[in-house]
Amino acid sequence: MYALGDGEIESNNFFYSLFLIFLAYLYFCWHWIKGRQTLGMRSWYIYVVNESNTSLNWKQASLRFAAALLSLVIIGLGFVWALFDKKKLALHDHLSKTKLIVHKSFA
């Protein structure tokens, strides 16, 4: 079977790469939707919300994930965008209409 090769998965296997991206998608979107934070975001006391300060829906989370991947592909320029943005939002936040909030008691 092409997807598995000779019983072991090679690092350049397209299906394996697609599987890893899918796992990352589930991890980030699930946490953004259900708890508004990933494990790393909890360490910094930040969470993600939409423009009305409520939890993201699947459409917003999916768009945020896809735009963040795009930001990485263009050498991280989507993240650098936040340094020059008036609202300090990254490109994926603009496209998905989301923002990061620092927990009030730690600001």
C-alpha atoms as a PDB file:
ATOM      1  CA  MET A   1       0.000   0.000   0.000  1.00  0.00           C
ATOM      2  CA  TYR A   2       1.439   3.370  -1.042  1.00  0.00           C
ATOM      3  CA  ALA A   3       0.342   5.234   2.078  1.00  0.00           C
ATOM      4  CA  LEU A   4       2.397   2.973   4.356  1.00  0.00           C
ATOM      5  CA  GLY A   5       5.280   1.968   2.096  1.00  0.00           C
ATOM      6  CA  ASP A   6       6.931  -1.234   3.325  1.00  0.00           C
ATOM      7  CA  GLY A   7       5.368  -1.221   6.772  1.00  0.00           C
ATOM      8  CA  GLU A   8       7.096   1.885   8.038  1.00  0.00           C
ATOM      9  CA  ILE A   9       6.239   5.500   7.451  1.00  0.00           C
ATOM     10  CA  GLU A  10       8.872   7.586   5.738  1.00  0.00           C
ATOM     11  CA  SER A  11       9.273  11.230   6.693  1.00  0.00           C
ATOM     12  CA  ASN A  12       8.616  12.428   3.135  1.00  0.00           C
ATOM     13  CA  ASN A  13       5.301  10.547   2.902  1.00  0.00           C
ATOM     14  CA  PHE A  14       2.566  12.951   1.724  1.00  0.00           C
ATOM     15  CA  PHE A  15      -0.191  11.171   3.667  1.00  0.00           C
ATOM     16  CA  TYR A  16       1.839  11.255   6.882  1.00  0.00           C
ATOM     17  CA  SER A  17       2.408  15.007   6.502  1.00  0.00           C
ATOM     18  CA  LEU A  18      -1.294  15.496   5.826  1.00  0.00           C
ATOM     19  CA  PHE A  19      -2.114  13.417   8.907  1.00  0.00           C
ATOM     20  CA  LEU A  20       0.171  15.565  11.105  1.00  0.00           C
ATOM     21  CA  ILE A  21      -1.414  18.778   9.818  1.00  0.00           C
ATOM     22  CA  PHE A  22      -4.850  17.297  10.525  1.00  0.00           C
ATOM     23  CA  LEU A  23      -3.807  16.430  14.108  1.00  0.00           C
ATOM     24  CA  ALA A  24      -2.487  19.968  14.631  1.00  0.00           C
ATOM     25  CA  TYR A  25      -5.753  21.340  13.219  1.00  0.00           C
ATOM     26  CA  LEU A  26      -7.808  19.277  15.670  1.00  0.00           C
ATOM     27  CA  TYR A  27      -5.602  20.215  18.620  1.00  0.00           C
ATOM     28  CA  PHE A  28      -5.627  23.969  18.036  1.00  0.00           C
ATOM     29  CA  CYS A  29      -9.231  24.346  16.876  1.00  0.00           C
ATOM     30  CA  TRP A  30     -10.653  22.129  19.616  1.00  0.00           C
ATOM     31  CA  HIS A  31      -8.844  24.061  22.335  1.00  0.00           C
ATOM     32  CA  TRP A  32      -9.658  27.472  20.858  1.00  0.00           C
ATOM     33  CA  ILE A  33     -13.348  26.549  20.671  1.00  0.00           C
ATOM     34  CA  LYS A  34     -13.831  24.638  23.931  1.00  0.00           C
ATOM     35  CA  GLY A  35     -11.508  26.403  26.340  1.00  0.00           C
ATOM     36  CA  ARG A  36     -10.258  29.436  24.372  1.00  0.00           C
ATOM     37  CA  GLN A  37      -6.673  28.403  25.232  1.00  0.00           C
ATOM     38  CA  THR A  38      -4.072  25.858  24.244  1.00  0.00           C
ATOM     39  CA  LEU A  39      -1.683  24.544  26.857  1.00  0.00           C
ATOM     40  CA  GLY A  40       0.966  27.067  25.802  1.00  0.00           C
ATOM     41  CA  MET A  41      -1.519  29.930  25.993  1.00  0.00           C
ATOM     42  CA  ARG A  42      -2.372  28.951  29.588  1.00  0.00           C
ATOM     43  CA  SER A  43       1.277  29.445  30.562  1.00  0.00           C
ATOM     44  CA  TRP A  44       1.124  33.052  29.388  1.00  0.00           C
ATOM     45  CA  TYR A  45      -2.411  33.696  30.723  1.00  0.00           C
ATOM     46  CA  ILE A  46      -3.777  34.557  27.280  1.00  0.00           C
ATOM     47  CA  TYR A  47      -6.823  33.335  25.442  1.00  0.00           C
ATOM     48  CA  VAL A  48      -8.376  33.839  22.042  1.00  0.00           C
ATOM     49  CA  VAL A  49     -11.836  35.314  21.456  1.00  0.00           C
ATOM     50  CA  ASN A  50     -13.792  36.648  18.505  1.00  0.00           C
ATOM     51  CA  GLU A  51     -14.733  40.305  17.986  1.00  0.00           C
ATOM     52  CA  SER A  52     -17.685  40.020  20.385  1.00  0.00           C
ATOM     53  CA  ASN A  53     -15.414  38.572  23.120  1.00  0.00           C
ATOM     54  CA  THR A  54     -16.997  35.108  22.970  1.00  0.00           C
ATOM     55  CA  SER A  55     -15.584  31.696  22.086  1.00  0.00           C
ATOM     56  CA  LEU A  56     -14.711  30.945  18.495  1.00  0.00           C
ATOM     57  CA  ASN A  57     -16.885  28.739  16.318  1.00  0.00           C
ATOM     58  CA  TRP A  58     -15.473  26.045  13.993  1.00  0.00           C
ATOM     59  CA  LYS A  59     -15.470  28.380  11.010  1.00  0.00           C
ATOM     60  CA  GLN A  60     -13.429  31.058  12.802  1.00  0.00           C
ATOM     61  CA  ALA A  61     -11.046  28.528  14.344  1.00  0.00           C
ATOM     62  CA  SER A  62     -10.510  26.811  10.987  1.00  0.00           C
ATOM     63  CA  LEU A  63      -9.869  30.108   9.254  1.00  0.00           C
ATOM     64  CA  ARG A  64      -7.465  31.174  12.017  1.00  0.00           C
ATOM     65  CA  PHE A  65      -5.563  27.882  11.725  1.00  0.00           C
ATOM     66  CA  ALA A  66      -5.332  28.063   7.914  1.00  0.00           C
ATOM     67  CA  ALA A  67      -4.229  31.703   8.001  1.00  0.00           C
ATOM     68  CA  ALA A  68      -1.605  30.935  10.665  1.00  0.00           C
ATOM     69  CA  LEU A  69      -0.228  28.187   8.415  1.00  0.00           C
ATOM     70  CA  LEU A  70      -0.113  30.686   5.569  1.00  0.00           C
ATOM     71  CA  SER A  71       1.716  33.109   7.867  1.00  0.00           C
ATOM     72  CA  LEU A  72       4.342  30.455   8.541  1.00  0.00           C
ATOM     73  CA  VAL A  73       4.717  29.597   4.861  1.00  0.00           C
ATOM     74  CA  ILE A  74       5.504  33.215   3.993  1.00  0.00           C
ATOM     75  CA  ILE A  75       8.493  33.136   6.345  1.00  0.00           C
ATOM     76  CA  GLY A  76       6.501  34.234   9.384  1.00  0.00           C
ATOM     77  CA  LEU A  77       5.519  37.597   7.910  1.00  0.00           C
ATOM     78  CA  GLY A  78       1.943  37.151   9.119  1.00  0.00           C
ATOM     79  CA  PHE A  79       3.243  37.073  12.687  1.00  0.00           C
ATOM     80  CA  VAL A  80       5.643  39.991  12.136  1.00  0.00           C
ATOM     81  CA  TRP A  81       2.575  41.933  10.952  1.00  0.00           C
ATOM     82  CA  ALA A  82       1.512  42.234  14.637  1.00  0.00           C
ATOM     83  CA  LEU A  83       4.589  44.326  15.428  1.00  0.00           C
ATOM     84  CA  PHE A  84       3.409  47.079  13.086  1.00  0.00           C
ATOM     85  CA  ASP A  85      -0.366  46.749  13.479  1.00  0.00           C
ATOM     86  CA  LYS A  86      -2.176  49.442  15.508  1.00  0.00           C
ATOM     87  CA  LYS A  87      -4.247  46.814  17.346  1.00  0.00           C
ATOM     88  CA  LYS A  88      -1.261  44.433  17.629  1.00  0.00           C
ATOM     89  CA  LEU A  89      -3.143  41.729  15.699  1.00  0.00           C
ATOM     90  CA  ALA A  90      -1.391  39.165  13.522  1.00  0.00           C
ATOM     91  CA  LEU A  91      -2.551  38.497   9.964  1.00  0.00           C
ATOM     92  CA  HIS A  92      -4.489  35.383  11.008  1.00  0.00           C
ATOM     93  CA  ASP A  93      -6.337  37.410  13.651  1.00  0.00           C
ATOM     94  CA  HIS A  94      -7.400  39.973  11.050  1.00  0.00           C
ATOM     95  CA  LEU A  95      -8.567  37.307   8.598  1.00  0.00           C
ATOM     96  CA  SER A  96     -10.501  35.286  11.195  1.00  0.00           C
ATOM     97  CA  LYS A  97     -11.789  38.304  13.142  1.00  0.00           C
ATOM     98  CA  THR A  98     -10.223  37.097  16.387  1.00  0.00           C
ATOM     99  CA  LYS A  99      -7.912  38.577  18.998  1.00  0.00           C
ATOM    100  CA  LEU A 100      -5.730  37.516  21.909  1.00  0.00           C
ATOM    101  CA  ILE A 101      -6.613  38.720  25.391  1.00  0.00           C
ATOM    102  CA  VAL A 102      -4.304  38.755  28.415  1.00  0.00           C
ATOM    103  CA  HIS A 103      -6.118  37.587  31.538  1.00  0.00           C
ATOM    104  CA  LYS A 104      -7.048  40.709  33.515  1.00  0.00           C
ATOM    105  CA  SER A 105      -5.492  39.653  36.838  1.00  0.00           C
ATOM    106  CA  PHE A 106      -2.095  39.144  35.178  1.00  0.00           C
ATOM    107  CA  ALA A 107      -1.983  42.201  32.901  1.00  0.00           C
END
